[in-house]
């Protein structure tokens, strides 16, 4: 089975996500290692001989913002599309579209990296539409009429979203 563009895009997004989490972990590890070295450096000597040295001053602890991974189930809807008829003023077209059936499903997955004031959000998702219209006969006036045996529209739409969040204050 050949890989489609969607498969390649999803694989690329997954690899990019894993690399971003790995890089964030590496950055946090290096930051905490430097803090630990700063705290524990300066030979302490024998605790029984010398007077206790003053404790090194630490910077106030910053609020930690853990990376999150989330899945949003999205939403699903199906049934007769009667809500669409209120936007159509032509009576003949309203009658023809009264048999319109629509099914729609959407889902997303993503993660967020950052701190309290700066965050990066990446989400990938997909939506699926299935609309069908039964056999129709539409009289357009002036001796013009339209007849259809039925039609169906199916579609799969991949999506991706990248966002940056910056908070001031």
N, C-alpha and C. Protein backbone atom coordinates (compact mmCIF):
# COMPACT_ATOMS: atom_id res chain seq x y z
N UNK A 1 0.84 -1.17 0.00
CA UNK A 1 0.00 0.00 0.00
C UNK A 1 0.90 1.24 0.00
N UNK A 2 0.66 2.12 -0.94
CA UNK A 2 1.45 3.35 -1.03
C UNK A 2 0.98 4.36 0.00
N UNK A 3 1.92 5.13 0.50
CA UNK A 3 1.58 6.16 1.48
C UNK A 3 1.00 7.37 0.76
N UNK A 4 -0.12 7.85 1.25
CA UNK A 4 -0.73 9.05 0.67
C UNK A 4 -0.09 10.28 1.30
N UNK A 5 -0.47 11.45 0.79
CA UNK A 5 0.05 12.70 1.34
C UNK A 5 -0.38 12.85 2.80
N UNK A 6 -1.58 12.39 3.14
CA UNK A 6 -2.07 12.48 4.52
C UNK A 6 -1.19 11.64 5.45
N UNK A 7 -0.87 10.40 5.03
CA UNK A 7 -0.02 9.54 5.85
C UNK A 7 1.33 10.20 6.10
N UNK A 8 1.92 10.74 5.04
CA UNK A 8 3.22 11.37 5.16
C UNK A 8 3.15 12.58 6.08
N UNK A 9 2.08 13.39 5.93
CA UNK A 9 1.93 14.58 6.78
C UNK A 9 1.74 14.18 8.24
N UNK A 10 0.95 13.16 8.51
CA UNK A 10 0.73 12.72 9.89
C UNK A 10 2.00 12.13 10.50
N UNK A 11 2.76 11.38 9.71
CA UNK A 11 4.03 10.84 10.20
C UNK A 11 4.99 11.99 10.51
N UNK A 12 5.05 12.97 9.61
CA UNK A 12 5.91 14.14 9.84
C UNK A 12 5.51 14.91 11.08
N UNK A 13 4.19 15.10 11.28
CA UNK A 13 3.72 15.81 12.47
C UNK A 13 4.04 15.03 13.73
N UNK A 14 3.92 13.70 13.68
CA UNK A 14 4.24 12.88 14.85
C UNK A 14 5.73 12.95 15.19
N UNK A 15 6.58 12.85 14.17
CA UNK A 15 8.02 12.93 14.40
C UNK A 15 8.39 14.31 14.94
N UNK A 16 7.80 15.36 14.38
CA UNK A 16 8.08 16.72 14.85
C UNK A 16 7.63 16.87 16.31
N UNK A 17 6.49 16.30 16.65
CA UNK A 17 6.01 16.38 18.03
C UNK A 17 6.94 15.68 19.00
N UNK A 18 7.38 14.49 18.64
CA UNK A 18 8.30 13.74 19.50
C UNK A 18 9.61 14.50 19.66
N UNK A 19 10.12 15.07 18.57
CA UNK A 19 11.38 15.83 18.65
C UNK A 19 11.22 17.08 19.51
N UNK A 20 10.06 17.73 19.44
CA UNK A 20 9.84 18.92 20.26
C UNK A 20 9.77 18.56 21.74
N UNK A 21 9.10 17.48 22.08
CA UNK A 21 9.04 17.05 23.48
C UNK A 21 10.43 16.64 23.96
N UNK A 22 11.18 15.92 23.13
CA UNK A 22 12.53 15.51 23.49
C UNK A 22 13.41 16.74 23.72
N UNK A 23 13.33 17.73 22.82
CA UNK A 23 14.11 18.95 22.98
C UNK A 23 13.73 19.72 24.23
N UNK A 24 12.46 19.79 24.54
CA UNK A 24 12.00 20.46 25.76
C UNK A 24 12.55 19.75 26.99
N UNK A 25 12.53 18.42 26.98
CA UNK A 25 13.06 17.64 28.09
C UNK A 25 14.56 17.88 28.25
N UNK A 26 15.29 17.93 27.14
CA UNK A 26 16.72 18.19 27.18
C UNK A 26 17.00 19.58 27.76
N UNK A 27 16.23 20.57 27.33
CA UNK A 27 16.38 21.94 27.82
C UNK A 27 16.12 22.00 29.33
N UNK A 28 15.05 21.34 29.82
CA UNK A 28 14.73 21.33 31.24
C UNK A 28 15.82 20.62 32.04
N UNK A 29 16.32 19.50 31.50
CA UNK A 29 17.37 18.74 32.18
C UNK A 29 18.62 19.60 32.34
N UNK A 30 19.03 20.28 31.29
CA UNK A 30 20.22 21.14 31.35
C UNK A 30 20.01 22.29 32.34
N UNK A 31 18.84 22.87 32.34
CA UNK A 31 18.55 23.98 33.25
C UNK A 31 18.62 23.52 34.71
N UNK A 32 18.05 22.38 35.02
CA UNK A 32 18.05 21.88 36.40
C UNK A 32 19.43 21.36 36.82
N UNK A 33 20.19 20.83 35.88
CA UNK A 33 21.55 20.39 36.20
C UNK A 33 22.42 21.58 36.58
N UNK A 34 22.30 22.69 35.85
CA UNK A 34 23.07 23.89 36.18
C UNK A 34 22.67 24.43 37.56
N UNK A 35 21.38 24.41 37.87
CA UNK A 35 20.92 24.87 39.18
C UNK A 35 21.49 23.99 40.29
N UNK A 36 21.48 22.68 40.09
CA UNK A 36 22.00 21.76 41.10
C UNK A 36 23.51 21.95 41.28
N UNK A 37 24.25 22.14 40.19
CA UNK A 37 25.68 22.36 40.30
C UNK A 37 25.98 23.66 41.04
N UNK A 38 25.19 24.70 40.79
CA UNK A 38 25.40 25.97 41.47
C UNK A 38 25.13 25.82 42.97
N UNK A 39 24.12 25.07 43.34
CA UNK A 39 23.76 24.91 44.74
C UNK A 39 24.80 24.08 45.49
N UNK A 40 25.25 22.99 44.88
CA UNK A 40 26.12 22.05 45.58
C UNK A 40 27.61 22.28 45.31
N UNK A 41 27.98 23.34 44.58
CA UNK A 41 29.40 23.58 44.35
C UNK A 41 30.01 24.29 45.56
N UNK A 42 31.32 24.32 45.62
CA UNK A 42 32.02 24.96 46.76
C UNK A 42 32.17 23.96 47.87
N UNK A 43 33.24 23.17 47.87
CA UNK A 43 33.50 22.10 48.82
C UNK A 43 32.99 22.38 50.23
N UNK A 44 32.14 21.56 50.71
CA UNK A 44 31.51 21.78 52.00
C UNK A 44 32.45 21.47 53.16
N UNK A 45 33.43 20.59 53.02
CA UNK A 45 34.33 20.25 54.13
C UNK A 45 33.65 19.34 55.14
N UNK A 46 34.30 19.21 56.32
CA UNK A 46 33.77 18.34 57.37
C UNK A 46 32.72 19.09 58.17
N UNK A 47 31.56 18.52 58.31
CA UNK A 47 30.45 19.18 59.01
C UNK A 47 30.72 19.29 60.51
N UNK A 48 31.59 18.44 61.09
CA UNK A 48 31.84 18.46 62.53
C UNK A 48 32.89 19.50 62.93
N UNK A 49 33.76 19.91 62.00
CA UNK A 49 34.84 20.82 62.34
C UNK A 49 34.47 22.28 62.22
N UNK A 50 33.91 22.67 61.12
CA UNK A 50 33.71 24.09 60.85
C UNK A 50 32.29 24.52 61.22
N UNK A 51 32.18 25.83 61.41
CA UNK A 51 30.85 26.40 61.64
C UNK A 51 30.05 26.29 60.34
N UNK A 52 28.76 26.13 60.45
CA UNK A 52 27.98 25.97 59.22
C UNK A 52 28.07 27.21 58.33
N UNK A 53 28.26 26.95 57.07
CA UNK A 53 28.31 28.03 56.09
C UNK A 53 26.89 28.49 55.78
N UNK A 54 26.74 29.76 55.47
CA UNK A 54 25.38 30.21 55.13
C UNK A 54 24.89 29.52 53.85
N UNK A 55 23.65 29.23 53.82
CA UNK A 55 23.06 28.57 52.65
C UNK A 55 23.07 29.52 51.46
N UNK A 56 23.37 28.99 50.29
CA UNK A 56 23.36 29.85 49.11
C UNK A 56 21.94 30.35 48.84
N UNK A 57 21.86 31.58 48.33
CA UNK A 57 20.55 32.12 48.02
C UNK A 57 20.06 31.57 46.69
N UNK A 58 18.83 31.18 46.70
CA UNK A 58 18.22 30.64 45.49
C UNK A 58 17.24 31.65 44.92
N UNK A 59 17.12 31.63 43.63
CA UNK A 59 16.12 32.48 42.99
C UNK A 59 14.74 31.95 43.36
N UNK A 60 13.74 32.81 43.39
CA UNK A 60 12.40 32.32 43.70
C UNK A 60 11.97 31.28 42.66
N UNK A 61 11.32 30.26 43.14
CA UNK A 61 10.91 29.17 42.25
C UNK A 61 9.88 29.67 41.25
N UNK A 62 10.14 29.40 39.98
CA UNK A 62 9.20 29.78 38.93
C UNK A 62 8.11 28.71 38.84
N UNK A 63 6.94 29.15 38.48
CA UNK A 63 5.85 28.19 38.33
C UNK A 63 6.15 27.33 37.11
N UNK A 64 6.13 26.04 37.32
CA UNK A 64 6.46 25.11 36.26
C UNK A 64 5.22 24.78 35.44
N UNK A 65 5.37 24.78 34.16
CA UNK A 65 4.28 24.48 33.24
C UNK A 65 4.66 23.22 32.46
N UNK A 66 4.09 22.11 32.83
CA UNK A 66 4.42 20.84 32.21
C UNK A 66 3.87 20.77 30.79
N UNK A 67 4.58 20.09 29.89
CA UNK A 67 4.02 19.89 28.56
C UNK A 67 2.79 18.99 28.66
N UNK A 68 1.81 19.27 27.85
CA UNK A 68 0.58 18.49 27.88
C UNK A 68 0.33 17.88 26.51
N UNK A 69 -0.31 16.75 26.53
CA UNK A 69 -0.71 16.07 25.31
C UNK A 69 -2.19 15.82 25.44
N UNK A 70 -2.97 16.27 24.48
CA UNK A 70 -4.41 16.14 24.60
C UNK A 70 -5.04 15.62 23.33
N UNK A 71 -6.18 15.01 23.50
CA UNK A 71 -6.99 14.54 22.39
C UNK A 71 -8.37 15.14 22.55
N UNK A 72 -8.82 15.81 21.52
CA UNK A 72 -10.14 16.41 21.55
C UNK A 72 -11.03 15.58 20.63
N UNK A 73 -12.07 15.02 21.20
CA UNK A 73 -12.94 14.15 20.41
C UNK A 73 -13.68 14.93 19.34
N UNK A 74 -13.73 16.24 19.47
CA UNK A 74 -14.42 17.03 18.47
C UNK A 74 -15.91 16.87 18.61
N UNK A 75 -16.58 16.75 17.52
CA UNK A 75 -18.02 16.63 17.56
C UNK A 75 -18.51 15.86 16.35
N UNK A 76 -19.68 15.35 16.48
CA UNK A 76 -20.31 14.60 15.40
C UNK A 76 -21.76 15.07 15.29
N UNK A 77 -22.25 15.12 14.09
CA UNK A 77 -23.63 15.54 13.88
C UNK A 77 -24.16 14.78 12.69
N UNK A 78 -25.39 14.38 12.74
CA UNK A 78 -25.99 13.68 11.62
C UNK A 78 -27.50 13.85 11.63
N UNK A 79 -28.08 13.75 10.45
CA UNK A 79 -29.53 13.83 10.33
C UNK A 79 -29.94 14.78 9.23
N UNK A 80 -31.22 15.11 9.21
CA UNK A 80 -31.75 16.03 8.22
C UNK A 80 -31.24 17.44 8.51
N UNK A 81 -30.88 18.14 7.46
CA UNK A 81 -30.31 19.48 7.61
C UNK A 81 -31.41 20.53 7.51
N UNK A 82 -32.38 20.47 8.40
CA UNK A 82 -33.48 21.43 8.37
C UNK A 82 -33.00 22.83 8.73
N UNK A 83 -31.92 22.93 9.52
CA UNK A 83 -31.39 24.23 9.89
C UNK A 83 -30.92 25.03 8.69
N UNK A 84 -30.50 24.35 7.62
CA UNK A 84 -29.99 25.04 6.44
C UNK A 84 -31.12 25.71 5.66
N UNK A 85 -32.33 25.21 5.80
CA UNK A 85 -33.45 25.74 5.03
C UNK A 85 -33.83 27.16 5.44
N UNK A 86 -33.54 27.54 6.67
CA UNK A 86 -33.92 28.89 7.10
C UNK A 86 -33.09 29.97 6.42
N UNK A 87 -31.98 29.60 5.78
CA UNK A 87 -31.14 30.57 5.07
C UNK A 87 -31.48 30.66 3.58
N UNK A 88 -32.45 29.86 3.11
CA UNK A 88 -32.81 29.82 1.70
C UNK A 88 -34.19 30.45 1.54
N UNK A 89 -34.27 31.46 0.67
CA UNK A 89 -35.54 32.17 0.52
C UNK A 89 -36.41 31.59 -0.60
N UNK A 90 -35.83 30.92 -1.60
CA UNK A 90 -36.60 30.38 -2.72
C UNK A 90 -37.38 29.15 -2.27
N UNK A 91 -38.71 29.17 -2.45
CA UNK A 91 -39.58 28.08 -1.98
C UNK A 91 -39.29 26.78 -2.72
N UNK A 92 -39.04 26.84 -4.03
CA UNK A 92 -38.75 25.62 -4.79
C UNK A 92 -37.46 24.96 -4.31
N UNK A 93 -36.45 25.76 -4.07
CA UNK A 93 -35.17 25.22 -3.60
C UNK A 93 -35.31 24.67 -2.19
N UNK A 94 -36.09 25.35 -1.35
CA UNK A 94 -36.33 24.85 0.01
C UNK A 94 -36.99 23.48 -0.03
N UNK A 95 -37.97 23.30 -0.92
CA UNK A 95 -38.65 22.00 -1.06
C UNK A 95 -37.66 20.93 -1.52
N UNK A 96 -36.81 21.28 -2.48
CA UNK A 96 -35.85 20.31 -3.01
C UNK A 96 -34.83 19.89 -1.95
N UNK A 97 -34.40 20.83 -1.11
CA UNK A 97 -33.37 20.53 -0.12
C UNK A 97 -33.94 19.99 1.19
N UNK A 98 -35.25 19.82 1.28
CA UNK A 98 -35.83 19.32 2.53
C UNK A 98 -35.44 17.87 2.81
N UNK A 99 -34.94 17.15 1.80
CA UNK A 99 -34.49 15.76 1.99
C UNK A 99 -32.98 15.65 2.16
N UNK A 100 -32.31 16.75 2.40
CA UNK A 100 -30.85 16.74 2.54
C UNK A 100 -30.46 16.09 3.87
N UNK A 101 -29.65 15.06 3.81
CA UNK A 101 -29.11 14.39 5.00
C UNK A 101 -27.62 14.68 5.08
N UNK A 102 -27.17 15.02 6.29
CA UNK A 102 -25.77 15.38 6.47
C UNK A 102 -25.19 14.62 7.66
N UNK A 103 -23.98 14.11 7.51
CA UNK A 103 -23.22 13.52 8.60
C UNK A 103 -21.87 14.21 8.67
N UNK A 104 -21.46 14.62 9.86
CA UNK A 104 -20.21 15.35 10.00
C UNK A 104 -19.51 14.89 11.28
N UNK A 105 -18.21 14.59 11.19
CA UNK A 105 -17.41 14.16 12.34
C UNK A 105 -16.09 14.93 12.30
N UNK A 106 -15.64 15.38 13.46
CA UNK A 106 -14.38 16.11 13.55
C UNK A 106 -13.63 15.66 14.79
N UNK A 107 -12.30 15.54 14.69
CA UNK A 107 -11.46 15.16 15.84
C UNK A 107 -10.09 15.81 15.69
N UNK A 108 -9.46 16.10 16.85
CA UNK A 108 -8.13 16.71 16.85
C UNK A 108 -7.28 16.12 17.96
N UNK A 109 -5.96 16.14 17.76
CA UNK A 109 -5.01 15.74 18.80
C UNK A 109 -3.86 16.75 18.75
N UNK A 110 -3.26 17.02 19.91
CA UNK A 110 -2.19 17.99 19.91
C UNK A 110 -1.46 18.04 21.23
N UNK A 111 -0.48 18.94 21.32
CA UNK A 111 0.27 19.10 22.56
C UNK A 111 0.63 20.56 22.75
N UNK A 112 1.02 20.88 23.97
CA UNK A 112 1.39 22.25 24.31
C UNK A 112 2.69 22.22 25.12
N UNK A 113 3.63 23.07 24.73
CA UNK A 113 4.91 23.20 25.42
C UNK A 113 5.07 24.66 25.82
N UNK A 114 5.71 24.89 26.95
CA UNK A 114 6.00 26.26 27.30
C UNK A 114 6.03 26.51 28.78
N UNK A 115 5.95 27.77 29.11
CA UNK A 115 5.97 28.20 30.49
C UNK A 115 4.72 29.02 30.75
N UNK A 116 4.72 29.70 31.88
CA UNK A 116 3.54 30.48 32.25
C UNK A 116 3.28 31.62 31.26
N UNK A 117 4.33 32.20 30.71
CA UNK A 117 4.17 33.37 29.85
C UNK A 117 4.35 33.11 28.36
N UNK A 118 4.83 31.93 27.99
CA UNK A 118 5.08 31.63 26.59
C UNK A 118 4.74 30.17 26.34
N UNK A 119 3.96 29.90 25.33
CA UNK A 119 3.58 28.51 25.04
C UNK A 119 3.49 28.31 23.53
N UNK A 120 3.76 27.10 23.11
CA UNK A 120 3.62 26.67 21.72
C UNK A 120 2.58 25.57 21.69
N UNK A 121 1.60 25.70 20.82
CA UNK A 121 0.54 24.71 20.70
C UNK A 121 0.57 24.15 19.28
N UNK A 122 0.53 22.84 19.16
CA UNK A 122 0.48 22.18 17.86
C UNK A 122 -0.68 21.19 17.90
N UNK A 123 -1.56 21.26 16.91
CA UNK A 123 -2.69 20.34 16.82
C UNK A 123 -2.82 19.85 15.39
N UNK A 124 -3.18 18.59 15.25
CA UNK A 124 -3.51 18.02 13.95
C UNK A 124 -4.89 17.40 14.08
N UNK A 125 -5.62 17.40 13.00
CA UNK A 125 -6.98 16.88 13.08
C UNK A 125 -7.50 16.46 11.73
N UNK A 126 -8.73 16.01 11.76
CA UNK A 126 -9.39 15.58 10.54
C UNK A 126 -10.89 15.76 10.70
N UNK A 127 -11.55 16.03 9.59
CA UNK A 127 -13.00 16.14 9.55
C UNK A 127 -13.50 15.30 8.39
N UNK A 128 -14.70 14.75 8.56
CA UNK A 128 -15.31 13.93 7.53
C UNK A 128 -16.74 14.40 7.31
N UNK A 129 -17.11 14.61 6.06
CA UNK A 129 -18.45 15.06 5.69
C UNK A 129 -19.08 14.05 4.75
N UNK A 130 -20.33 13.71 5.01
CA UNK A 130 -21.09 12.82 4.14
C UNK A 130 -22.47 13.43 3.99
N UNK A 131 -22.79 13.96 2.80
CA UNK A 131 -24.09 14.58 2.55
C UNK A 131 -24.75 13.87 1.38
N UNK A 132 -26.04 13.60 1.51
CA UNK A 132 -26.76 12.95 0.43
C UNK A 132 -28.10 13.62 0.22
N UNK A 133 -28.52 13.63 -1.01
CA UNK A 133 -29.78 14.23 -1.40
C UNK A 133 -30.49 13.24 -2.31
N UNK A 134 -31.71 12.88 -1.95
CA UNK A 134 -32.48 11.92 -2.74
C UNK A 134 -32.88 12.47 -4.09
N UNK A 135 -33.63 11.68 -4.85
CA UNK A 135 -34.10 12.10 -6.18
C UNK A 135 -34.96 13.35 -6.04
N UNK A 136 -34.70 14.34 -6.91
CA UNK A 136 -35.38 15.63 -6.82
C UNK A 136 -35.90 16.05 -8.18
N UNK A 137 -37.01 16.78 -8.14
CA UNK A 137 -37.55 17.43 -9.32
C UNK A 137 -37.82 18.88 -8.92
N UNK A 138 -37.23 19.80 -9.63
CA UNK A 138 -37.32 21.21 -9.27
C UNK A 138 -37.81 22.00 -10.48
N UNK A 139 -38.92 22.72 -10.31
CA UNK A 139 -39.47 23.55 -11.37
C UNK A 139 -38.95 24.97 -11.17
N UNK A 140 -38.12 25.44 -12.10
CA UNK A 140 -37.51 26.75 -11.99
C UNK A 140 -38.36 27.84 -12.64
N UNK A 141 -39.49 27.51 -13.21
CA UNK A 141 -40.36 28.49 -13.87
C UNK A 141 -39.95 28.69 -15.32
N UNK A 142 -40.82 29.37 -16.09
CA UNK A 142 -40.58 29.65 -17.51
C UNK A 142 -40.33 28.37 -18.31
N UNK A 143 -40.96 27.28 -17.88
CA UNK A 143 -40.81 26.02 -18.60
C UNK A 143 -39.49 25.32 -18.36
N UNK A 144 -38.72 25.77 -17.41
CA UNK A 144 -37.43 25.16 -17.11
C UNK A 144 -37.57 24.31 -15.85
N UNK A 145 -37.14 23.08 -15.93
CA UNK A 145 -37.19 22.21 -14.75
C UNK A 145 -35.87 21.46 -14.64
N UNK A 146 -35.62 20.99 -13.44
CA UNK A 146 -34.37 20.29 -13.13
C UNK A 146 -34.74 18.98 -12.46
N UNK A 147 -34.18 17.89 -12.96
CA UNK A 147 -34.45 16.59 -12.35
C UNK A 147 -33.13 15.91 -12.04
N UNK A 148 -33.04 15.33 -10.84
CA UNK A 148 -31.82 14.63 -10.42
C UNK A 148 -32.21 13.30 -9.81
N UNK A 149 -31.41 12.29 -10.06
CA UNK A 149 -31.70 10.97 -9.52
C UNK A 149 -31.17 10.81 -8.10
N UNK A 150 -30.42 11.74 -7.62
CA UNK A 150 -29.84 11.66 -6.28
C UNK A 150 -28.36 11.96 -6.36
N UNK A 151 -27.85 12.53 -5.32
CA UNK A 151 -26.43 12.85 -5.33
C UNK A 151 -25.86 12.65 -3.93
N UNK A 152 -24.55 12.48 -3.89
CA UNK A 152 -23.88 12.26 -2.62
C UNK A 152 -22.53 12.96 -2.64
N UNK A 153 -22.21 13.60 -1.55
CA UNK A 153 -20.94 14.29 -1.40
C UNK A 153 -20.23 13.72 -0.18
N UNK A 154 -19.03 13.20 -0.39
CA UNK A 154 -18.22 12.68 0.71
C UNK A 154 -16.89 13.40 0.67
N UNK A 155 -16.38 13.71 1.85
CA UNK A 155 -15.09 14.38 1.88
C UNK A 155 -14.37 14.17 3.18
N UNK A 156 -13.05 14.08 3.10
CA UNK A 156 -12.18 13.94 4.26
C UNK A 156 -11.19 15.10 4.21
N UNK A 157 -11.14 15.92 5.26
CA UNK A 157 -10.31 17.11 5.26
C UNK A 157 -9.33 17.07 6.42
N UNK A 158 -8.03 16.90 6.16
CA UNK A 158 -7.05 16.96 7.24
C UNK A 158 -6.77 18.43 7.59
N UNK A 159 -6.36 18.67 8.82
CA UNK A 159 -6.05 20.04 9.22
C UNK A 159 -4.90 20.03 10.22
N UNK A 160 -4.22 21.16 10.30
CA UNK A 160 -3.14 21.33 11.27
C UNK A 160 -3.19 22.77 11.77
N UNK A 161 -2.81 22.94 13.04
CA UNK A 161 -2.82 24.28 13.62
C UNK A 161 -1.60 24.41 14.53
N UNK A 162 -0.87 25.50 14.36
CA UNK A 162 0.27 25.82 15.20
C UNK A 162 0.01 27.20 15.80
N UNK A 163 0.20 27.32 17.10
CA UNK A 163 -0.06 28.60 17.74
C UNK A 163 0.99 28.94 18.78
N UNK A 164 1.19 30.22 18.98
CA UNK A 164 2.07 30.72 20.01
C UNK A 164 1.25 31.57 20.96
N UNK A 165 1.46 31.39 22.24
CA UNK A 165 0.75 32.14 23.26
C UNK A 165 1.78 32.93 24.06
N UNK A 166 1.62 34.25 24.07
CA UNK A 166 2.53 35.11 24.84
C UNK A 166 1.67 35.91 25.81
N UNK A 167 1.98 35.82 27.11
CA UNK A 167 1.24 36.54 28.14
C UNK A 167 2.16 37.61 28.74
N UNK A 168 1.64 38.80 28.85
CA UNK A 168 2.38 39.90 29.45
C UNK A 168 1.76 40.22 30.79
N UNK A 169 2.60 40.51 31.76
CA UNK A 169 2.06 40.95 33.05
C UNK A 169 2.36 40.03 34.19
